[in-house]
All heavy atoms as atom14 arrays in JSON, in Angstrom:
{
  "sequence": "VRRGDGVADRIRAAVGGGVDGIADGSLQTDDLVPALVDG",
  "atom14_mask": [
    [1, 1, 1, 1, 1, 1, 1, 0, 0, 0, 0, 0, 0, 0],
    [1, 1, 1, 1, 1, 1, 1, 1, 1, 1, 1, 0, 0, 0],
    [1, 1, 1, 1, 1, 1, 1, 1, 1, 1, 1, 0, 0, 0],
    [1, 1, 1, 1, 0, 0, 0, 0, 0, 0, 0, 0, 0, 0],
    [1, 1, 1, 1, 1, 1, 1, 1, 0, 0, 0, 0, 0, 0],
    [1, 1, 1, 1, 0, 0, 0, 0, 0, 0, 0, 0, 0, 0],
    [1, 1, 1, 1, 1, 1, 1, 0, 0, 0, 0, 0, 0, 0],
    [1, 1, 1, 1, 1, 0, 0, 0, 0, 0, 0, 0, 0, 0],
    [1, 1, 1, 1, 1, 1, 1, 1, 0, 0, 0, 0, 0, 0],
    [1, 1, 1, 1, 1, 1, 1, 1, 1, 1, 1, 0, 0, 0],
    [1, 1, 1, 1, 1, 1, 1, 1, 0, 0, 0, 0, 0, 0],
    [1, 1, 1, 1, 1, 1, 1, 1, 1, 1, 1, 0, 0, 0],
    [1, 1, 1, 1, 1, 0, 0, 0, 0, 0, 0, 0, 0, 0],
    [1, 1, 1, 1, 1, 0, 0, 0, 0, 0, 0, 0, 0, 0],
    [1, 1, 1, 1, 1, 1, 1, 0, 0, 0, 0, 0, 0, 0],
    [1, 1, 1, 1, 0, 0, 0, 0, 0, 0, 0, 0, 0, 0],
    [1, 1, 1, 1, 0, 0, 0, 0, 0, 0, 0, 0, 0, 0],
    [1, 1, 1, 1, 0, 0, 0, 0, 0, 0, 0, 0, 0, 0],
    [1, 1, 1, 1, 1, 1, 1, 0, 0, 0, 0, 0, 0, 0],
    [1, 1, 1, 1, 1, 1, 1, 1, 0, 0, 0, 0, 0, 0],
    [1, 1, 1, 1, 0, 0, 0, 0, 0, 0, 0, 0, 0, 0],
    [1, 1, 1, 1, 1, 1, 1, 1, 0, 0, 0, 0, 0, 0],
    [1, 1, 1, 1, 1, 0, 0, 0, 0, 0, 0, 0, 0, 0],
    [1, 1, 1, 1, 1, 1, 1, 1, 0, 0, 0, 0, 0, 0],
    [1, 1, 1, 1, 0, 0, 0, 0, 0, 0, 0, 0, 0, 0],
    [1, 1, 1, 1, 1, 1, 0, 0, 0, 0, 0, 0, 0, 0],
    [1, 1, 1, 1, 1, 1, 1, 1, 0, 0, 0, 0, 0, 0],
    [1, 1, 1, 1, 1, 1, 1, 1, 1, 0, 0, 0, 0, 0],
    [1, 1, 1, 1, 1, 1, 1, 0, 0, 0, 0, 0, 0, 0],
    [1, 1, 1, 1, 1, 1, 1, 1, 0, 0, 0, 0, 0, 0],
    [1, 1, 1, 1, 1, 1, 1, 1, 0, 0, 0, 0, 0, 0],
    [1, 1, 1, 1, 1, 1, 1, 1, 0, 0, 0, 0, 0, 0],
    [1, 1, 1, 1, 1, 1, 1, 0, 0, 0, 0, 0, 0, 0],
    [1, 1, 1, 1, 1, 1, 1, 0, 0, 0, 0, 0, 0, 0],
    [1, 1, 1, 1, 1, 0, 0, 0, 0, 0, 0, 0, 0, 0],
    [1, 1, 1, 1, 1, 1, 1, 1, 0, 0, 0, 0, 0, 0],
    [1, 1, 1, 1, 1, 1, 1, 0, 0, 0, 0, 0, 0, 0],
    [1, 1, 1, 1, 1, 1, 1, 1, 0, 0, 0, 0, 0, 0],
    [1, 1, 1, 1, 0, 0, 0, 0, 0, 0, 0, 0, 0, 0]
  ],
  "atom14_positions": [
    [[90.54, 118.03, 86.68], [89.79, 118.64, 87.78], [90.76, 119.35, 88.7], [91.96, 119.06, 88.72], [88.98, 117.59, 88.57], [88.01, 116.85, 87.65], [89.9, 116.6, 89.27], [0.0, 0.0, 0.0], [0.0, 0.0, 0.0], [0.0, 0.0, 0.0], [0.0, 0.0, 0.0], [0.0, 0.0, 0.0], [0.0, 0.0, 0.0], [0.0, 0.0, 0.0]],
    [[90.26, 120.29, 89.45], [91.1, 121.06, 90.36], [91.54, 120.18, 91.53], [90.75, 119.45, 92.13], [90.34, 122.28, 90.89], [91.17, 123.29, 91.67], [92.25, 123.93, 90.83], [91.77, 124.5, 89.58], [91.22, 125.71, 89.49], [91.09, 126.47, 90.55], [90.81, 126.16, 88.32], [0.0, 0.0, 0.0], [0.0, 0.0, 0.0], [0.0, 0.0, 0.0]],
    [[92.8, 120.22, 91.87], [93.33, 119.45, 92.98], [92.9, 120.07, 94.31], [92.39, 121.18, 94.35], [94.85, 119.39, 92.91], [95.55, 120.74, 93.07], [97.05, 120.6, 93.07], [97.52, 119.85, 94.22], [98.8, 119.56, 94.46], [99.74, 119.94, 93.62], [99.14, 118.88, 95.53], [0.0, 0.0, 0.0], [0.0, 0.0, 0.0], [0.0, 0.0, 0.0]],
    [[93.13, 119.34, 95.42], [92.83, 119.89, 96.74], [91.67, 119.19, 97.4], [91.17, 118.15, 96.93], [0.0, 0.0, 0.0], [0.0, 0.0, 0.0], [0.0, 0.0, 0.0], [0.0, 0.0, 0.0], [0.0, 0.0, 0.0], [0.0, 0.0, 0.0], [0.0, 0.0, 0.0], [0.0, 0.0, 0.0], [0.0, 0.0, 0.0], [0.0, 0.0, 0.0]],
    [[91.24, 119.73, 98.53], [90.14, 119.14, 99.29], [88.93, 118.91, 98.41], [88.54, 119.77, 97.61], [89.76, 120.05, 100.46], [90.85, 120.15, 101.52], [91.75, 119.29, 101.52], [90.8, 121.1, 102.32], [0.0, 0.0, 0.0], [0.0, 0.0, 0.0], [0.0, 0.0, 0.0], [0.0, 0.0, 0.0], [0.0, 0.0, 0.0], [0.0, 0.0, 0.0]],
    [[88.3, 117.75, 98.57], [87.11, 117.43, 97.79], [87.4, 116.91, 96.4], [86.47, 116.77, 95.59], [0.0, 0.0, 0.0], [0.0, 0.0, 0.0], [0.0, 0.0, 0.0], [0.0, 0.0, 0.0], [0.0, 0.0, 0.0], [0.0, 0.0, 0.0], [0.0, 0.0, 0.0], [0.0, 0.0, 0.0], [0.0, 0.0, 0.0], [0.0, 0.0, 0.0]],
    [[88.66, 116.57, 96.1], [88.98, 116.15, 94.74], [88.26, 114.86, 94.36], [87.9, 114.66, 93.19], [90.51, 116.0, 94.56], [91.05, 114.8, 95.35], [90.87, 115.87, 93.08], [0.0, 0.0, 0.0], [0.0, 0.0, 0.0], [0.0, 0.0, 0.0], [0.0, 0.0, 0.0], [0.0, 0.0, 0.0], [0.0, 0.0, 0.0], [0.0, 0.0, 0.0]],
    [[88.01, 113.97, 95.32], [87.31, 112.72, 94.99], [85.92, 113.02, 94.44], [85.47, 112.38, 93.47], [87.23, 111.82, 96.22], [0.0, 0.0, 0.0], [0.0, 0.0, 0.0], [0.0, 0.0, 0.0], [0.0, 0.0, 0.0], [0.0, 0.0, 0.0], [0.0, 0.0, 0.0], [0.0, 0.0, 0.0], [0.0, 0.0, 0.0], [0.0, 0.0, 0.0]],
    [[85.23, 113.97, 95.05], [83.9, 114.33, 94.56], [83.98, 114.95, 93.17], [83.12, 114.7, 92.31], [83.23, 115.31, 95.52], [82.92, 114.67, 96.87], [82.75, 113.44, 96.93], [82.88, 115.42, 97.88], [0.0, 0.0, 0.0], [0.0, 0.0, 0.0], [0.0, 0.0, 0.0], [0.0, 0.0, 0.0], [0.0, 0.0, 0.0], [0.0, 0.0, 0.0]],
    [[85.01, 115.75, 92.94], [85.15, 116.38, 91.61], [85.48, 115.34, 90.54], [85.01, 115.44, 89.4], [86.21, 117.48, 91.66], [85.76, 118.71, 92.45], [86.71, 119.88, 92.28], [88.0, 119.67, 92.93], [88.24, 119.88, 94.22], [87.26, 120.28, 95.03], [89.45, 119.69, 94.73], [0.0, 0.0, 0.0], [0.0, 0.0, 0.0], [0.0, 0.0, 0.0]],
    [[86.28, 114.35, 90.9], [86.58, 113.28, 89.95], [85.3, 112.52, 89.6], [85.01, 112.26, 88.42], [87.64, 112.32, 90.53], [89.01, 113.01, 90.61], [87.74, 111.05, 89.69], [90.05, 112.22, 91.38], [0.0, 0.0, 0.0], [0.0, 0.0, 0.0], [0.0, 0.0, 0.0], [0.0, 0.0, 0.0], [0.0, 0.0, 0.0], [0.0, 0.0, 0.0]],
    [[84.55, 112.17, 90.62], [83.31, 111.41, 90.39], [82.33, 112.18, 89.52], [81.72, 111.64, 88.6], [82.69, 111.03, 91.74], [81.64, 109.96, 91.64], [81.13, 109.48, 92.99], [80.27, 108.33, 92.8], [80.66, 107.07, 92.85], [81.93, 106.79, 93.1], [79.81, 106.08, 92.64], [0.0, 0.0, 0.0], [0.0, 0.0, 0.0], [0.0, 0.0, 0.0]],
    [[82.21, 113.48, 89.79], [81.29, 114.3, 89.01], [81.77, 114.45, 87.57], [80.96, 114.42, 86.62], [81.16, 115.68, 89.65], [0.0, 0.0, 0.0], [0.0, 0.0, 0.0], [0.0, 0.0, 0.0], [0.0, 0.0, 0.0], [0.0, 0.0, 0.0], [0.0, 0.0, 0.0], [0.0, 0.0, 0.0], [0.0, 0.0, 0.0], [0.0, 0.0, 0.0]],
    [[83.08, 114.56, 87.37], [83.62, 114.79, 86.02], [83.37, 113.6, 85.1], [83.15, 113.78, 83.89], [85.11, 115.08, 86.1], [0.0, 0.0, 0.0], [0.0, 0.0, 0.0], [0.0, 0.0, 0.0], [0.0, 0.0, 0.0], [0.0, 0.0, 0.0], [0.0, 0.0, 0.0], [0.0, 0.0, 0.0], [0.0, 0.0, 0.0], [0.0, 0.0, 0.0]],
    [[83.39, 112.39, 85.65], [83.24, 111.2, 84.82], [81.82, 110.65, 84.85], [81.53, 109.64, 84.2], [84.24, 110.1, 85.23], [85.67, 110.6, 85.13], [83.96, 109.58, 86.64], [0.0, 0.0, 0.0], [0.0, 0.0, 0.0], [0.0, 0.0, 0.0], [0.0, 0.0, 0.0], [0.0, 0.0, 0.0], [0.0, 0.0, 0.0], [0.0, 0.0, 0.0]],
    [[80.93, 111.3, 85.61], [79.56, 110.84, 85.68], [79.4, 109.56, 86.47], [78.53, 108.73, 86.2], [0.0, 0.0, 0.0], [0.0, 0.0, 0.0], [0.0, 0.0, 0.0], [0.0, 0.0, 0.0], [0.0, 0.0, 0.0], [0.0, 0.0, 0.0], [0.0, 0.0, 0.0], [0.0, 0.0, 0.0], [0.0, 0.0, 0.0], [0.0, 0.0, 0.0]],
    [[80.23, 109.38, 87.47], [80.23, 108.18, 88.3], [81.65, 107.88, 88.73], [82.56, 108.65, 88.48], [0.0, 0.0, 0.0], [0.0, 0.0, 0.0], [0.0, 0.0, 0.0], [0.0, 0.0, 0.0], [0.0, 0.0, 0.0], [0.0, 0.0, 0.0], [0.0, 0.0, 0.0], [0.0, 0.0, 0.0], [0.0, 0.0, 0.0], [0.0, 0.0, 0.0]],
    [[81.86, 106.74, 89.37], [83.19, 106.43, 89.87], [84.15, 105.99, 88.78], [83.75, 105.57, 87.69], [0.0, 0.0, 0.0], [0.0, 0.0, 0.0], [0.0, 0.0, 0.0], [0.0, 0.0, 0.0], [0.0, 0.0, 0.0], [0.0, 0.0, 0.0], [0.0, 0.0, 0.0], [0.0, 0.0, 0.0], [0.0, 0.0, 0.0], [0.0, 0.0, 0.0]],
    [[85.42, 106.08, 89.09], [86.47, 105.61, 88.18], [86.83, 104.17, 88.52], [86.59, 103.7, 89.64], [87.73, 106.5, 88.25], [87.41, 107.9, 87.76], [88.31, 106.54, 89.67], [0.0, 0.0, 0.0], [0.0, 0.0, 0.0], [0.0, 0.0, 0.0], [0.0, 0.0, 0.0], [0.0, 0.0, 0.0], [0.0, 0.0, 0.0], [0.0, 0.0, 0.0]],
    [[87.4, 103.47, 87.55], [87.76, 102.07, 87.76], [89.03, 101.9, 88.58], [89.21, 100.91, 89.29], [87.94, 101.38, 86.41], [86.68, 101.47, 85.56], [85.66, 100.89, 85.95], [86.73, 102.14, 84.5], [0.0, 0.0, 0.0], [0.0, 0.0, 0.0], [0.0, 0.0, 0.0], [0.0, 0.0, 0.0], [0.0, 0.0, 0.0], [0.0, 0.0, 0.0]],
    [[89.94, 102.87, 88.46], [91.2, 102.79, 89.18], [91.77, 104.16, 89.44], [91.37, 105.15, 88.82], [0.0, 0.0, 0.0], [0.0, 0.0, 0.0], [0.0, 0.0, 0.0], [0.0, 0.0, 0.0], [0.0, 0.0, 0.0], [0.0, 0.0, 0.0], [0.0, 0.0, 0.0], [0.0, 0.0, 0.0], [0.0, 0.0, 0.0], [0.0, 0.0, 0.0]],
    [[92.69, 104.21, 90.39], [93.37, 105.46, 90.74], [94.85, 105.17, 90.9], [95.25, 104.18, 91.53], [92.84, 106.06, 92.06], [91.37, 106.43, 91.93], [93.65, 107.3, 92.46], [90.74, 106.89, 93.26], [0.0, 0.0, 0.0], [0.0, 0.0, 0.0], [0.0, 0.0, 0.0], [0.0, 0.0, 0.0], [0.0, 0.0, 0.0], [0.0, 0.0, 0.0]],
    [[95.69, 106.03, 90.33], [97.12, 106.05, 90.62], [97.35, 107.27, 91.49], [97.26, 108.41, 91.02], [97.93, 106.12, 89.34], [0.0, 0.0, 0.0], [0.0, 0.0, 0.0], [0.0, 0.0, 0.0], [0.0, 0.0, 0.0], [0.0, 0.0, 0.0], [0.0, 0.0, 0.0], [0.0, 0.0, 0.0], [0.0, 0.0, 0.0], [0.0, 0.0, 0.0]],
    [[97.63, 107.05, 92.77], [97.69, 108.13, 93.75], [99.11, 108.64, 93.91], [99.86, 108.18, 94.75], [97.13, 107.63, 95.09], [97.14, 108.71, 96.17], [97.17, 109.9, 95.8], [97.11, 108.36, 97.36], [0.0, 0.0, 0.0], [0.0, 0.0, 0.0], [0.0, 0.0, 0.0], [0.0, 0.0, 0.0], [0.0, 0.0, 0.0], [0.0, 0.0, 0.0]],
    [[99.46, 109.62, 93.09], [100.8, 110.18, 93.16], [100.97, 111.26, 94.19], [102.11, 111.66, 94.47], [0.0, 0.0, 0.0], [0.0, 0.0, 0.0], [0.0, 0.0, 0.0], [0.0, 0.0, 0.0], [0.0, 0.0, 0.0], [0.0, 0.0, 0.0], [0.0, 0.0, 0.0], [0.0, 0.0, 0.0], [0.0, 0.0, 0.0], [0.0, 0.0, 0.0]],
    [[99.87, 111.75, 94.76], [99.97, 112.85, 95.72], [99.66, 112.42, 97.15], [99.45, 113.26, 98.02], [99.05, 114.01, 95.31], [97.71, 113.58, 95.2], [0.0, 0.0, 0.0], [0.0, 0.0, 0.0], [0.0, 0.0, 0.0], [0.0, 0.0, 0.0], [0.0, 0.0, 0.0], [0.0, 0.0, 0.0], [0.0, 0.0, 0.0], [0.0, 0.0, 0.0]],
    [[99.63, 111.11, 97.38], [99.51, 110.55, 98.74], [98.24, 110.99, 99.44], [98.24, 111.33, 100.63], [100.74, 110.94, 99.58], [102.1, 110.59, 98.98], [103.23, 111.11, 99.85], [102.23, 109.09, 98.79], [0.0, 0.0, 0.0], [0.0, 0.0, 0.0], [0.0, 0.0, 0.0], [0.0, 0.0, 0.0], [0.0, 0.0, 0.0], [0.0, 0.0, 0.0]],
    [[97.12, 110.98, 98.72], [95.84, 111.34, 99.33], [95.12, 110.14, 99.93], [94.13, 110.3, 100.65], [94.95, 112.05, 98.3], [95.58, 113.35, 97.8], [94.65, 114.12, 96.91], [93.54, 114.49, 97.29], [95.1, 114.39, 95.7], [0.0, 0.0, 0.0], [0.0, 0.0, 0.0], [0.0, 0.0, 0.0], [0.0, 0.0, 0.0], [0.0, 0.0, 0.0]],
    [[95.55, 108.95, 99.6], [95.15, 107.68, 100.21], [93.64, 107.56, 100.42], [92.89, 107.63, 99.46], [95.92, 107.46, 101.54], [95.64, 108.52, 102.45], [97.43, 107.44, 101.28], [0.0, 0.0, 0.0], [0.0, 0.0, 0.0], [0.0, 0.0, 0.0], [0.0, 0.0, 0.0], [0.0, 0.0, 0.0], [0.0, 0.0, 0.0], [0.0, 0.0, 0.0]],
    [[93.19, 107.37, 101.67], [91.79, 107.04, 101.95], [90.82, 108.1, 101.43], [89.66, 107.78, 101.13], [91.56, 106.89, 103.46], [92.42, 105.82, 104.08], [93.15, 105.13, 103.34], [92.38, 105.67, 105.31], [0.0, 0.0, 0.0], [0.0, 0.0, 0.0], [0.0, 0.0, 0.0], [0.0, 0.0, 0.0], [0.0, 0.0, 0.0], [0.0, 0.0, 0.0]],
    [[91.25, 109.35, 101.32], [90.35, 110.41, 100.87], [89.86, 110.19, 99.45], [88.87, 110.81, 99.03], [91.04, 111.77, 100.96], [91.32, 112.2, 102.39], [90.69, 111.64, 103.31], [92.16, 113.1, 102.58], [0.0, 0.0, 0.0], [0.0, 0.0, 0.0], [0.0, 0.0, 0.0], [0.0, 0.0, 0.0], [0.0, 0.0, 0.0], [0.0, 0.0, 0.0]],
    [[90.53, 109.32, 98.69], [90.18, 109.12, 97.29], [89.15, 108.01, 97.09], [88.61, 107.87, 95.99], [91.44, 108.78, 96.49], [92.5, 109.88, 96.44], [93.75, 109.36, 95.75], [91.97, 111.11, 95.72], [0.0, 0.0, 0.0], [0.0, 0.0, 0.0], [0.0, 0.0, 0.0], [0.0, 0.0, 0.0], [0.0, 0.0, 0.0], [0.0, 0.0, 0.0]],
    [[88.86, 107.23, 98.11], [87.97, 106.08, 97.95], [86.62, 106.47, 97.36], [86.08, 105.74, 96.51], [87.82, 105.34, 99.3], [86.69, 104.32, 99.23], [89.13, 104.65, 99.66], [0.0, 0.0, 0.0], [0.0, 0.0, 0.0], [0.0, 0.0, 0.0], [0.0, 0.0, 0.0], [0.0, 0.0, 0.0], [0.0, 0.0, 0.0], [0.0, 0.0, 0.0]],
    [[86.01, 107.61, 97.75], [84.71, 107.94, 97.15], [84.73, 108.12, 95.64], [83.67, 108.09, 95.0], [84.33, 109.26, 97.85], [85.06, 109.22, 99.15], [86.36, 108.55, 98.84], [0.0, 0.0, 0.0], [0.0, 0.0, 0.0], [0.0, 0.0, 0.0], [0.0, 0.0, 0.0], [0.0, 0.0, 0.0], [0.0, 0.0, 0.0], [0.0, 0.0, 0.0]],
    [[85.9, 108.32, 95.05], [85.99, 108.49, 93.6], [85.9, 107.17, 92.86], [85.72, 107.16, 91.63], [87.3, 109.19, 93.23], [0.0, 0.0, 0.0], [0.0, 0.0, 0.0], [0.0, 0.0, 0.0], [0.0, 0.0, 0.0], [0.0, 0.0, 0.0], [0.0, 0.0, 0.0], [0.0, 0.0, 0.0], [0.0, 0.0, 0.0], [0.0, 0.0, 0.0]],
    [[86.03, 106.03, 93.55], [86.08, 104.72, 92.91], [84.71, 104.06, 92.82], [83.85, 104.24, 93.69], [87.0, 103.8, 93.71], [88.5, 104.03, 93.59], [89.23, 103.35, 94.74], [89.03, 103.53, 92.25], [0.0, 0.0, 0.0], [0.0, 0.0, 0.0], [0.0, 0.0, 0.0], [0.0, 0.0, 0.0], [0.0, 0.0, 0.0], [0.0, 0.0, 0.0]],
    [[84.52, 103.29, 91.77], [83.38, 102.39, 91.71], [83.58, 101.28, 92.74], [84.7, 101.03, 93.19], [83.22, 101.78, 90.3], [82.97, 102.85, 89.26], [84.44, 100.93, 89.92], [0.0, 0.0, 0.0], [0.0, 0.0, 0.0], [0.0, 0.0, 0.0], [0.0, 0.0, 0.0], [0.0, 0.0, 0.0], [0.0, 0.0, 0.0], [0.0, 0.0, 0.0]],
    [[82.5, 100.6, 93.09], [82.64, 99.42, 93.94], [83.53, 98.41, 93.23], [83.39, 98.16, 92.03], [81.27, 98.79, 94.21], [80.4, 99.64, 95.13], [80.92, 100.63, 95.69], [79.2, 99.33, 95.25], [0.0, 0.0, 0.0], [0.0, 0.0, 0.0], [0.0, 0.0, 0.0], [0.0, 0.0, 0.0], [0.0, 0.0, 0.0], [0.0, 0.0, 0.0]],
    [[84.48, 97.85, 93.98], [85.42, 96.93, 93.38], [86.57, 97.6, 92.65], [87.33, 96.92, 91.96], [0.0, 0.0, 0.0], [0.0, 0.0, 0.0], [0.0, 0.0, 0.0], [0.0, 0.0, 0.0], [0.0, 0.0, 0.0], [0.0, 0.0, 0.0], [0.0, 0.0, 0.0], [0.0, 0.0, 0.0], [0.0, 0.0, 0.0], [0.0, 0.0, 0.0]]
  ]
}
C-alpha cells in the first residue's frame, strides 16, 4: 500500500479487515492503531 497519511486505513482495506500485528519501522506509532484487529 502507499505510504503516508492514512496508511492505517489503506492497510485495513487491503487485507479486508485489521492485521494481527505491526512492525513499525517508520515511527508512525499511535496512527497505526486503526489498522489492527482488537487485541
